[in-house]
Each structure stands twice: as structure tokens, then as C-alpha cells.
Amino acid sequence: MFKAQRFASSIYDHELSRELHALGYRTRPAGKSFEIDGIAPEVLNRFSKRRRQIDLETAEVIAREGPPVNVKDIRDRVAHDKRRRKIKEASAETCVNLGSAN
């Protein structure tokens, strides 16, 4: 199931990247995905709260449970079990206001 999820995510990233290129945007590799080239690091950081949340919780789990055999397993567990959920019905204006509040 997890392999199928990764495969679907890869297809989604590929299609999104292709559409961005068709609109004239450039992309650059970022981990297993990509980022839009030319976006200021401050903007990326402003909208990367979920990743920071996962990193913080992962560090807390490691401090509490000791060094893991596989950090990726802990990150996956934190990402799926412990982080705040996305606000699905939020408008763009709401997201911008939430981003400026933190």
C-alpha cells in the first residue's frame, strides 16, 4: 500500500511539474520532489511549517526514546500520527493570515 502511495505521489509531482513548466515556471530538485525556482527562501520557510513541526517532533521522540535504528521510520510515524492536520476548507486569504500570525 505504501509503495502505491509513493508511486501515486510521484506521478502527481511529475504532472504538477509538467504543468508548471508549461506555464513558464522552472523547477529544481528538492529531496524526492521539487521546488519552484526563483521563490525566495523566506517565502519557502514561511510555508514550510509542517516540515518544521515534523522535524521538531522527531527530535523530541529521539530524545525521549533514544537513538533510533532508522530516523526515517520515526519521521514517517510523526508525519502520519502526531502532526496537526491541514485545514482543508481554508481560503487563500485564511492561509496567508495564518502564515503571518506565526
Protein backbone atom coordinates (compact mmCIF):
# COMPACT_ATOMS: atom_id res chain seq x y z
CA MET A 1 0.00 0.00 0.00
CA PHE A 2 2.80 2.40 0.91
CA LYS A 3 4.57 1.69 -2.41
CA ALA A 4 1.36 2.51 -4.28
CA GLN A 5 1.03 5.75 -2.30
CA ARG A 6 4.62 6.75 -3.15
CA PHE A 7 4.02 5.86 -6.81
CA ALA A 8 0.85 7.99 -6.93
CA SER A 9 2.70 10.84 -5.24
CA SER A 10 5.49 10.59 -7.81
CA ILE A 11 3.00 10.74 -10.67
CA TYR A 12 1.30 13.75 -9.07
CA ASP A 13 4.64 15.56 -8.66
CA HIS A 14 5.57 14.79 -12.27
CA GLU A 15 2.27 16.11 -13.62
CA LEU A 16 2.40 19.21 -11.42
CA SER A 17 5.96 19.90 -12.54
CA ARG A 18 4.99 19.41 -16.18
CA GLU A 19 2.08 21.86 -15.86
CA LEU A 20 4.29 24.43 -14.10
CA HIS A 21 6.83 24.16 -16.93
CA ALA A 22 4.00 24.67 -19.46
CA LEU A 23 3.09 27.88 -17.60
CA GLY A 24 6.69 29.10 -17.86
CA TYR A 25 7.93 28.25 -14.37
CA ARG A 26 11.25 26.50 -13.76
CA THR A 27 11.67 23.88 -11.07
CA ARG A 28 14.62 22.46 -9.18
CA PRO A 29 15.01 19.15 -7.33
CA ALA A 30 14.28 19.22 -3.60
CA GLY A 31 14.54 15.88 -1.84
CA LYS A 32 12.22 13.44 -3.58
CA SER A 33 10.12 16.26 -5.01
CA PHE A 34 10.82 19.73 -6.42
CA GLU A 35 10.57 23.43 -5.66
CA ILE A 36 9.68 26.29 -7.97
CA ASP A 37 12.88 28.04 -8.97
CA GLY A 38 13.10 31.71 -8.05
CA ILE A 39 10.95 31.54 -4.91
CA ALA A 40 12.72 33.41 -2.12
CA PRO A 41 13.94 31.25 0.79
CA GLU A 42 11.92 33.46 3.19
CA VAL A 43 8.72 32.55 1.34
CA LEU A 44 9.60 28.84 1.33
CA ASN A 45 10.29 28.99 5.08
CA ARG A 46 7.04 30.82 5.74
CA PHE A 47 5.07 28.00 4.13
CA SER A 48 7.17 25.10 5.48
CA LYS A 49 5.67 24.97 8.97
CA ARG A 50 4.52 21.37 8.68
CA ARG A 51 8.03 20.17 7.89
CA ARG A 52 9.45 22.12 10.84
CA GLN A 53 6.74 20.61 13.04
CA ILE A 54 7.71 17.09 11.90
CA ASP A 55 11.42 17.85 12.47
CA LEU A 56 10.73 19.16 15.99
CA GLU A 57 8.53 16.23 16.99
CA THR A 58 11.05 13.75 15.53
CA ALA A 59 13.80 15.30 17.65
CA GLU A 60 11.56 15.05 20.73
CA VAL A 61 10.82 11.36 20.05
CA ILE A 62 14.55 10.62 19.61
CA ALA A 63 15.35 12.48 22.86
CA ARG A 64 12.62 10.55 24.69
CA GLU A 65 13.19 7.08 23.18
CA GLY A 66 16.91 7.18 22.41
CA PRO A 67 18.77 6.88 19.11
CA PRO A 68 16.66 5.09 16.51
CA VAL A 69 17.71 2.36 14.14
CA ASN A 70 16.02 4.28 11.33
CA VAL A 71 15.23 8.01 11.63
CA LYS A 72 13.06 7.83 8.50
CA ASP A 73 10.69 5.43 10.27
CA ILE A 74 10.29 7.88 13.13
CA ARG A 75 9.73 10.79 10.74
CA ASP A 76 7.09 8.77 8.89
CA ARG A 77 5.37 7.88 12.16
CA VAL A 78 5.39 11.51 13.31
CA ALA A 79 4.18 12.75 9.93
CA HIS A 80 1.21 10.41 9.93
CA ASP A 81 0.32 10.26 13.62
CA LYS A 82 1.42 13.34 15.51
CA ARG A 83 1.31 16.49 13.39
CA ARG A 84 -1.56 18.93 13.09
CA ARG A 85 -3.83 18.23 10.17
CA LYS A 86 -4.19 20.54 7.21
CA ILE A 87 -7.10 22.96 7.19
CA LYS A 88 -8.97 21.58 4.20
CA GLU A 89 -11.61 24.29 3.77
CA ALA A 90 -9.26 27.25 4.21
CA SER A 91 -9.27 30.01 1.62
CA ALA A 92 -6.05 31.54 0.28
CA GLU A 93 -6.72 34.62 2.43
CA THR A 94 -7.10 32.48 5.56
CA CYS A 95 -3.83 30.68 4.83
CA VAL A 96 -1.96 33.96 4.35
CA ASN A 97 -3.40 35.32 7.60
CA LEU A 98 -2.44 32.13 9.46
CA GLY A 99 1.05 32.34 7.99
CA SER A 100 1.55 35.93 9.12
CA ALA A 101 0.34 35.12 12.63
CA ASN A 102 3.26 32.74 13.27
